[in-house]
Every structure is written in structure tokens, then in C-alpha cells.
Amino acid sequence: MTQAIVDLLRPHRHACKTLTFDNGKEFAEHEFIASCLRAKVYFAKPYCSWQRGLNENTNGLLRQFFPKGCSLLKVTQAQVDEAVYLLNHRPRKCLGYRTPHEVFYNLPVRPLTLHSVALCT
């Protein structure tokens, strides 16, 4: 798990200043992770989910695609990739209606294109 975290985040190390973990055993080698990524590591207190707010919010967004009770063993990589793509390309009010993808890659603001639709009764 440790090497997977490093491999996943290393290409984005410039944007990864801090990491906040819970107290799971998968983060036992946190010092190695911190040194590889040159990031500071913090630990959330047990039962204080608000200390990892982004993680909790993202879990809620993912539940739109994978409801509670859904067996993750039956979820395909293609389904995960689609959910990630849709979430990263969904405009967010907190980002000025830009997408996380646009903000992360510092893409220029694109003018909103409105399509006209005729409604019939």
C-alpha cells in the first residue's frame, strides 16, 4: 500500500504539500511516504471525520455512483474511471463553477455555451 500511495502521488508532488491520514495500519510507513513526496504528514484524531473534510465529501460524491451496500468487488475499473472522470469534470460552486480538472491544470476559463431548445406542448 505504501508504494502504491507514493507511485500515485509522485507525478503530482508539486501540488501535494500535506497529507492527512487516519490511524489505519496502511499508513504505518508515513515517514517514507512523506520523504518520497516531500510533504508534511498529519493524522486525524479517531472519530473526528471532519478533520478530513475533503475525504468525507469525496466519499459522499462517490456514493452517487456506488451506493452504500454496493459490493466494490463487483465494480469494474471502467466504472471507477468513469466516476472519477465525471467528478473531475463537474463544475463546482466553490471553484467559481470551474471543474477540479480545470483548476488543477490551470486551464483557461472557457465561455459557457448555451444551447437553445424549443419546447413543444
N, C-alpha and C. Protein backbone atom coordinates (compact mmCIF):
# COMPACT_ATOMS: atom_id res chain seq x y z
N MET A 1 0.82 -1.19 0.00
CA MET A 1 0.00 0.00 0.00
C MET A 1 0.87 1.26 0.00
N THR A 2 1.95 1.23 0.75
CA THR A 2 2.83 2.40 0.84
C THR A 2 3.38 2.79 -0.52
N GLN A 3 3.89 1.81 -1.27
CA GLN A 3 4.46 2.12 -2.57
C GLN A 3 3.39 2.59 -3.55
N ALA A 4 2.19 2.04 -3.43
CA ALA A 4 1.08 2.46 -4.31
C ALA A 4 0.75 3.93 -4.06
N ILE A 5 0.74 4.36 -2.81
CA ILE A 5 0.47 5.77 -2.49
C ILE A 5 1.54 6.66 -3.11
N VAL A 6 2.79 6.28 -2.93
CA VAL A 6 3.90 7.06 -3.49
C VAL A 6 3.82 7.11 -5.01
N ASP A 7 3.60 5.96 -5.63
CA ASP A 7 3.53 5.91 -7.10
C ASP A 7 2.38 6.75 -7.65
N LEU A 8 1.25 6.75 -6.93
CA LEU A 8 0.08 7.50 -7.37
C LEU A 8 0.29 9.01 -7.25
N LEU A 9 0.93 9.43 -6.17
CA LEU A 9 1.06 10.86 -5.90
C LEU A 9 2.35 11.49 -6.43
N ARG A 10 3.36 10.70 -6.70
CA ARG A 10 4.66 11.26 -7.12
C ARG A 10 4.54 12.17 -8.35
N PRO A 11 3.77 11.82 -9.38
CA PRO A 11 3.68 12.73 -10.53
C PRO A 11 3.05 14.09 -10.18
N HIS A 12 2.38 14.16 -9.06
CA HIS A 12 1.71 15.41 -8.65
C HIS A 12 2.35 15.99 -7.38
N ARG A 13 3.57 15.61 -7.14
CA ARG A 13 4.25 16.01 -5.89
C ARG A 13 4.30 17.52 -5.74
N HIS A 14 4.37 18.26 -6.85
CA HIS A 14 4.42 19.72 -6.79
C HIS A 14 3.15 20.30 -6.14
N ALA A 15 2.04 19.60 -6.26
CA ALA A 15 0.77 20.09 -5.72
C ALA A 15 0.44 19.45 -4.38
N CYS A 16 1.22 18.50 -3.97
CA CYS A 16 0.94 17.74 -2.75
C CYS A 16 1.82 18.26 -1.62
N LYS A 17 1.29 19.19 -0.86
CA LYS A 17 2.08 19.82 0.21
C LYS A 17 1.89 19.10 1.55
N THR A 18 0.68 18.61 1.79
CA THR A 18 0.39 17.91 3.04
C THR A 18 -0.47 16.68 2.76
N LEU A 19 -0.39 15.72 3.65
CA LEU A 19 -1.24 14.53 3.61
C LEU A 19 -1.85 14.36 4.99
N THR A 20 -3.13 14.09 5.04
CA THR A 20 -3.78 13.83 6.32
C THR A 20 -4.34 12.42 6.30
N PHE A 21 -3.82 11.59 7.17
CA PHE A 21 -4.21 10.19 7.25
C PHE A 21 -5.08 9.94 8.46
N ASP A 22 -5.82 8.83 8.41
CA ASP A 22 -6.43 8.36 9.63
C ASP A 22 -5.40 7.44 10.29
N ASN A 23 -5.78 6.72 11.30
CA ASN A 23 -4.80 5.95 12.05
C ASN A 23 -4.74 4.48 11.61
N GLY A 24 -5.08 4.22 10.35
CA GLY A 24 -5.04 2.86 9.83
C GLY A 24 -3.62 2.33 9.69
N LYS A 25 -3.49 1.01 9.79
CA LYS A 25 -2.16 0.39 9.72
C LYS A 25 -1.51 0.57 8.35
N GLU A 26 -2.33 0.86 7.32
CA GLU A 26 -1.77 1.06 5.98
C GLU A 26 -0.90 2.32 5.90
N PHE A 27 -0.94 3.16 6.92
CA PHE A 27 -0.14 4.38 6.92
C PHE A 27 1.02 4.30 7.91
N ALA A 28 1.37 3.09 8.32
CA ALA A 28 2.46 2.90 9.29
C ALA A 28 3.79 3.45 8.77
N GLU A 29 3.98 3.40 7.46
CA GLU A 29 5.23 3.89 6.87
C GLU A 29 5.08 5.33 6.38
N HIS A 30 4.38 6.13 7.16
CA HIS A 30 4.11 7.52 6.77
C HIS A 30 5.37 8.34 6.58
N GLU A 31 6.44 8.03 7.32
CA GLU A 31 7.68 8.80 7.17
C GLU A 31 8.30 8.57 5.79
N PHE A 32 8.22 7.34 5.30
CA PHE A 32 8.72 7.03 3.96
C PHE A 32 7.90 7.78 2.91
N ILE A 33 6.59 7.77 3.06
CA ILE A 33 5.71 8.48 2.12
C ILE A 33 6.04 9.97 2.12
N ALA A 34 6.16 10.53 3.30
CA ALA A 34 6.46 11.97 3.43
C ALA A 34 7.79 12.32 2.77
N SER A 35 8.81 11.49 2.97
CA SER A 35 10.11 11.81 2.39
C SER A 35 10.09 11.67 0.87
N CYS A 36 9.40 10.67 0.34
CA CYS A 36 9.32 10.49 -1.12
C CYS A 36 8.60 11.64 -1.79
N LEU A 37 7.58 12.16 -1.13
CA LEU A 37 6.75 13.21 -1.73
C LEU A 37 7.15 14.61 -1.27
N ARG A 38 8.07 14.67 -0.32
CA ARG A 38 8.47 15.96 0.28
C ARG A 38 7.24 16.71 0.80
N ALA A 39 6.42 15.99 1.52
CA ALA A 39 5.17 16.57 2.06
C ALA A 39 5.12 16.36 3.57
N LYS A 40 4.38 17.20 4.23
CA LYS A 40 4.15 17.05 5.66
C LYS A 40 2.97 16.10 5.86
N VAL A 41 3.07 15.28 6.88
CA VAL A 41 2.02 14.31 7.17
C VAL A 41 1.36 14.67 8.49
N TYR A 42 0.04 14.62 8.49
CA TYR A 42 -0.75 14.85 9.69
C TYR A 42 -1.67 13.66 9.88
N PHE A 43 -2.10 13.45 11.11
CA PHE A 43 -3.03 12.37 11.42
C PHE A 43 -4.29 12.94 12.04
N ALA A 44 -5.43 12.52 11.51
CA ALA A 44 -6.71 12.92 12.09
C ALA A 44 -6.93 12.12 13.37
N LYS A 45 -7.58 12.74 14.31
CA LYS A 45 -7.91 12.04 15.55
C LYS A 45 -9.02 11.02 15.29
N PRO A 46 -8.99 9.91 16.01
CA PRO A 46 -10.06 8.91 15.83
C PRO A 46 -11.44 9.53 16.05
N TYR A 47 -12.38 9.13 15.22
CA TYR A 47 -13.79 9.57 15.29
C TYR A 47 -13.96 11.07 15.04
N CYS A 48 -13.00 11.68 14.37
CA CYS A 48 -13.08 13.11 14.03
C CYS A 48 -13.03 13.25 12.51
N SER A 49 -14.04 12.73 11.85
CA SER A 49 -14.05 12.71 10.39
C SER A 49 -13.98 14.11 9.78
N TRP A 50 -14.42 15.12 10.50
CA TRP A 50 -14.39 16.50 9.98
C TRP A 50 -12.95 16.99 9.80
N GLN A 51 -11.98 16.31 10.41
CA GLN A 51 -10.59 16.70 10.21
C GLN A 51 -10.07 16.26 8.84
N ARG A 52 -10.84 15.44 8.16
CA ARG A 52 -10.51 15.01 6.80
C ARG A 52 -11.71 15.33 5.92
N GLY A 53 -12.09 16.58 5.90
CA GLY A 53 -13.31 17.02 5.23
C GLY A 53 -13.37 16.71 3.75
N LEU A 54 -12.27 16.93 3.03
CA LEU A 54 -12.27 16.65 1.60
C LEU A 54 -12.51 15.17 1.35
N ASN A 55 -11.89 14.33 2.15
CA ASN A 55 -12.08 12.89 2.01
C ASN A 55 -13.53 12.50 2.25
N GLU A 56 -14.13 13.05 3.30
CA GLU A 56 -15.53 12.72 3.61
C GLU A 56 -16.46 13.22 2.51
N ASN A 57 -16.20 14.41 1.99
CA ASN A 57 -17.02 14.95 0.91
C ASN A 57 -16.89 14.09 -0.34
N THR A 58 -15.67 13.69 -0.66
CA THR A 58 -15.45 12.85 -1.84
C THR A 58 -16.14 11.49 -1.68
N ASN A 59 -16.11 10.94 -0.48
CA ASN A 59 -16.83 9.68 -0.23
C ASN A 59 -18.32 9.85 -0.54
N GLY A 60 -18.88 10.98 -0.14
CA GLY A 60 -20.29 11.26 -0.43
C GLY A 60 -20.55 11.37 -1.92
N LEU A 61 -19.66 12.03 -2.64
CA LEU A 61 -19.81 12.15 -4.09
C LEU A 61 -19.72 10.78 -4.77
N LEU A 62 -18.80 9.96 -4.29
CA LEU A 62 -18.65 8.62 -4.87
C LEU A 62 -19.87 7.75 -4.62
N ARG A 63 -20.59 8.02 -3.53
CA ARG A 63 -21.80 7.26 -3.21
C ARG A 63 -22.89 7.49 -4.27
N GLN A 64 -22.80 8.57 -5.03
CA GLN A 64 -23.75 8.79 -6.13
C GLN A 64 -23.59 7.71 -7.20
N PHE A 65 -22.39 7.17 -7.32
CA PHE A 65 -22.10 6.15 -8.32
C PHE A 65 -22.11 4.74 -7.73
N PHE A 66 -21.68 4.64 -6.48
CA PHE A 66 -21.56 3.35 -5.80
C PHE A 66 -22.27 3.44 -4.45
N PRO A 67 -23.59 3.22 -4.43
CA PRO A 67 -24.36 3.39 -3.19
C PRO A 67 -23.88 2.47 -2.08
N LYS A 68 -24.16 2.89 -0.85
CA LYS A 68 -23.83 2.07 0.31
C LYS A 68 -24.45 0.69 0.12
N GLY A 69 -23.71 -0.33 0.43
CA GLY A 69 -24.20 -1.69 0.24
C GLY A 69 -23.77 -2.29 -1.08
N CYS A 70 -23.32 -1.44 -2.00
CA CYS A 70 -22.83 -1.92 -3.30
C CYS A 70 -21.50 -2.65 -3.06
N SER A 71 -21.38 -3.85 -3.56
CA SER A 71 -20.14 -4.61 -3.39
C SER A 71 -19.07 -4.04 -4.33
N LEU A 72 -18.01 -3.53 -3.74
CA LEU A 72 -16.93 -2.97 -4.56
C LEU A 72 -16.18 -4.06 -5.32
N LEU A 73 -16.39 -5.31 -4.91
CA LEU A 73 -15.78 -6.43 -5.64
C LEU A 73 -16.40 -6.58 -7.03
N LYS A 74 -17.62 -6.06 -7.19
CA LYS A 74 -18.31 -6.18 -8.48
C LYS A 74 -18.15 -4.93 -9.36
N VAL A 75 -17.48 -3.93 -8.84
CA VAL A 75 -17.27 -2.68 -9.60
C VAL A 75 -16.06 -2.86 -10.50
N THR A 76 -16.22 -2.53 -11.77
CA THR A 76 -15.11 -2.68 -12.73
C THR A 76 -14.23 -1.43 -12.72
N GLN A 77 -13.02 -1.58 -13.22
CA GLN A 77 -12.11 -0.44 -13.34
C GLN A 77 -12.71 0.61 -14.27
N ALA A 78 -13.42 0.18 -15.30
CA ALA A 78 -14.06 1.12 -16.23
C ALA A 78 -15.11 1.96 -15.50
N GLN A 79 -15.86 1.35 -14.58
CA GLN A 79 -16.86 2.10 -13.82
C GLN A 79 -16.18 3.11 -12.90
N VAL A 80 -15.08 2.71 -12.28
CA VAL A 80 -14.33 3.63 -11.41
C VAL A 80 -13.79 4.79 -12.25
N ASP A 81 -13.20 4.47 -13.39
CA ASP A 81 -12.63 5.51 -14.26
C ASP A 81 -13.71 6.51 -14.70
N GLU A 82 -14.89 6.01 -15.02
CA GLU A 82 -15.98 6.89 -15.45
C GLU A 82 -16.43 7.81 -14.31
N ALA A 83 -16.56 7.25 -13.11
CA ALA A 83 -16.95 8.07 -11.95
C ALA A 83 -15.91 9.16 -11.68
N VAL A 84 -14.65 8.79 -11.72
CA VAL A 84 -13.56 9.76 -11.50
C VAL A 84 -13.60 10.85 -12.56
N TYR A 85 -13.77 10.46 -13.81
CA TYR A 85 -13.83 11.44 -14.90
C TYR A 85 -15.00 12.41 -14.68
N LEU A 86 -16.17 11.86 -14.40
CA LEU A 86 -17.36 12.71 -14.23
C LEU A 86 -17.20 13.66 -13.05
N LEU A 87 -16.65 13.18 -11.94
CA LEU A 87 -16.45 14.05 -10.78
C LEU A 87 -15.40 15.12 -11.04
N ASN A 88 -14.34 14.76 -11.73
CA ASN A 88 -13.28 15.74 -12.02
C ASN A 88 -13.67 16.76 -13.07
N HIS A 89 -14.74 16.49 -13.81
CA HIS A 89 -15.20 17.41 -14.85
C HIS A 89 -16.55 18.03 -14.52
N ARG A 90 -16.97 17.92 -13.25
CA ARG A 90 -18.23 18.53 -12.79
C ARG A 90 -17.93 19.91 -12.23
N PRO A 91 -18.57 20.95 -12.77
CA PRO A 91 -18.35 22.30 -12.23
C PRO A 91 -18.75 22.36 -10.75
N ARG A 92 -17.97 23.12 -10.00
CA ARG A 92 -18.23 23.26 -8.56
C ARG A 92 -18.39 24.72 -8.21
N LYS A 93 -19.40 25.00 -7.43
CA LYS A 93 -19.66 26.37 -6.98
C LYS A 93 -18.44 26.94 -6.26
N CYS A 94 -17.82 26.11 -5.38
CA CYS A 94 -16.67 26.58 -4.59
C CYS A 94 -15.45 26.91 -5.45
N LEU A 95 -15.45 26.47 -6.70
CA LEU A 95 -14.36 26.76 -7.62
C LEU A 95 -14.76 27.79 -8.67
N GLY A 96 -15.80 28.54 -8.36
CA GLY A 96 -16.28 29.54 -9.31
C GLY A 96 -16.88 28.90 -10.55
N TYR A 97 -17.51 27.75 -10.35
CA TYR A 97 -18.14 26.97 -11.42
C TYR A 97 -17.15 26.45 -12.45
N ARG A 98 -15.89 26.35 -12.02
CA ARG A 98 -14.89 25.66 -12.83
C ARG A 98 -14.84 24.21 -12.34
N THR A 99 -14.25 23.36 -13.12
CA THR A 99 -14.13 21.96 -12.72
C THR A 99 -12.82 21.75 -11.97
N PRO A 100 -12.75 20.71 -11.13
CA PRO A 100 -11.46 20.40 -10.48
C PRO A 100 -10.35 20.19 -11.51
N HIS A 101 -10.66 19.58 -12.63
CA HIS A 101 -9.69 19.35 -13.69
C HIS A 101 -9.14 20.68 -14.21
N GLU A 102 -10.03 21.63 -14.47
CA GLU A 102 -9.60 22.94 -14.98
C GLU A 102 -8.72 23.67 -13.97
N VAL A 103 -9.10 23.60 -12.70
CA VAL A 103 -8.34 24.30 -11.67
C VAL A 103 -6.97 23.65 -11.46
N PHE A 104 -6.96 22.33 -11.34
CA PHE A 104 -5.70 21.62 -11.08
C PHE A 104 -4.68 21.86 -12.18
N TYR A 105 -5.13 21.82 -13.43
CA TYR A 105 -4.22 22.01 -14.56
C TYR A 105 -4.15 23.45 -15.03
N ASN A 106 -4.76 24.37 -14.27
CA ASN A 106 -4.70 25.80 -14.55
C ASN A 106 -5.11 26.10 -16.00
N LEU A 107 -6.20 25.49 -16.43
CA LEU A 107 -6.69 25.69 -17.79
C LEU A 107 -7.44 27.01 -17.89
N PRO A 108 -7.41 27.64 -19.04
CA PRO A 108 -8.11 28.92 -19.18
C PRO A 108 -9.62 28.72 -19.04
N VAL A 109 -10.27 29.77 -18.56
CA VAL A 109 -11.73 29.74 -18.42
C VAL A 109 -12.35 29.73 -19.80
N ARG A 110 -13.24 28.79 -20.02
CA ARG A 110 -13.93 28.71 -21.31
C ARG A 110 -15.29 29.38 -21.16
N PRO A 111 -15.69 30.16 -22.15
CA PRO A 111 -17.02 30.77 -22.05
C PRO A 111 -18.09 29.68 -22.09
N LEU A 112 -19.12 29.88 -21.32
CA LEU A 112 -20.23 28.94 -21.26
C LEU A 112 -21.04 29.03 -22.54
N THR A 113 -21.28 27.89 -23.14
CA THR A 113 -22.08 27.84 -24.36
C THR A 113 -23.48 27.38 -23.99
N LEU A 114 -24.44 28.22 -24.30
CA LEU A 114 -25.83 27.86 -24.03
C LEU A 114 -26.47 27.37 -25.32
N HIS A 115 -27.13 26.26 -25.23
CA HIS A 115 -27.82 25.71 -26.39
C HIS A 115 -29.29 26.07 -26.28
N SER A 116 -29.86 26.54 -27.38
CA SER A 116 -31.28 26.88 -27.35
C SER A 116 -32.09 25.62 -27.60
N VAL A 117 -33.19 25.52 -26.91
CA VAL A 117 -34.05 24.36 -27.03
C VAL A 117 -35.48 24.85 -27.21
N ALA A 118 -36.16 24.27 -28.16
CA ALA A 118 -37.57 24.61 -28.37
C ALA A 118 -38.42 23.60 -27.62
N LEU A 119 -39.34 24.10 -26.82
CA LEU A 119 -40.24 23.22 -26.09
C LEU A 119 -41.59 23.20 -26.78
N CYS A 120 -42.13 22.03 -26.94
CA CYS A 120 -43.43 21.89 -27.58
C CYS A 120 -44.44 21.37 -26.56
N THR A 121 -45.69 21.76 -26.75
CA THR A 121 -46.73 21.23 -25.86
C THR A 121 -47.58 20.22 -26.58
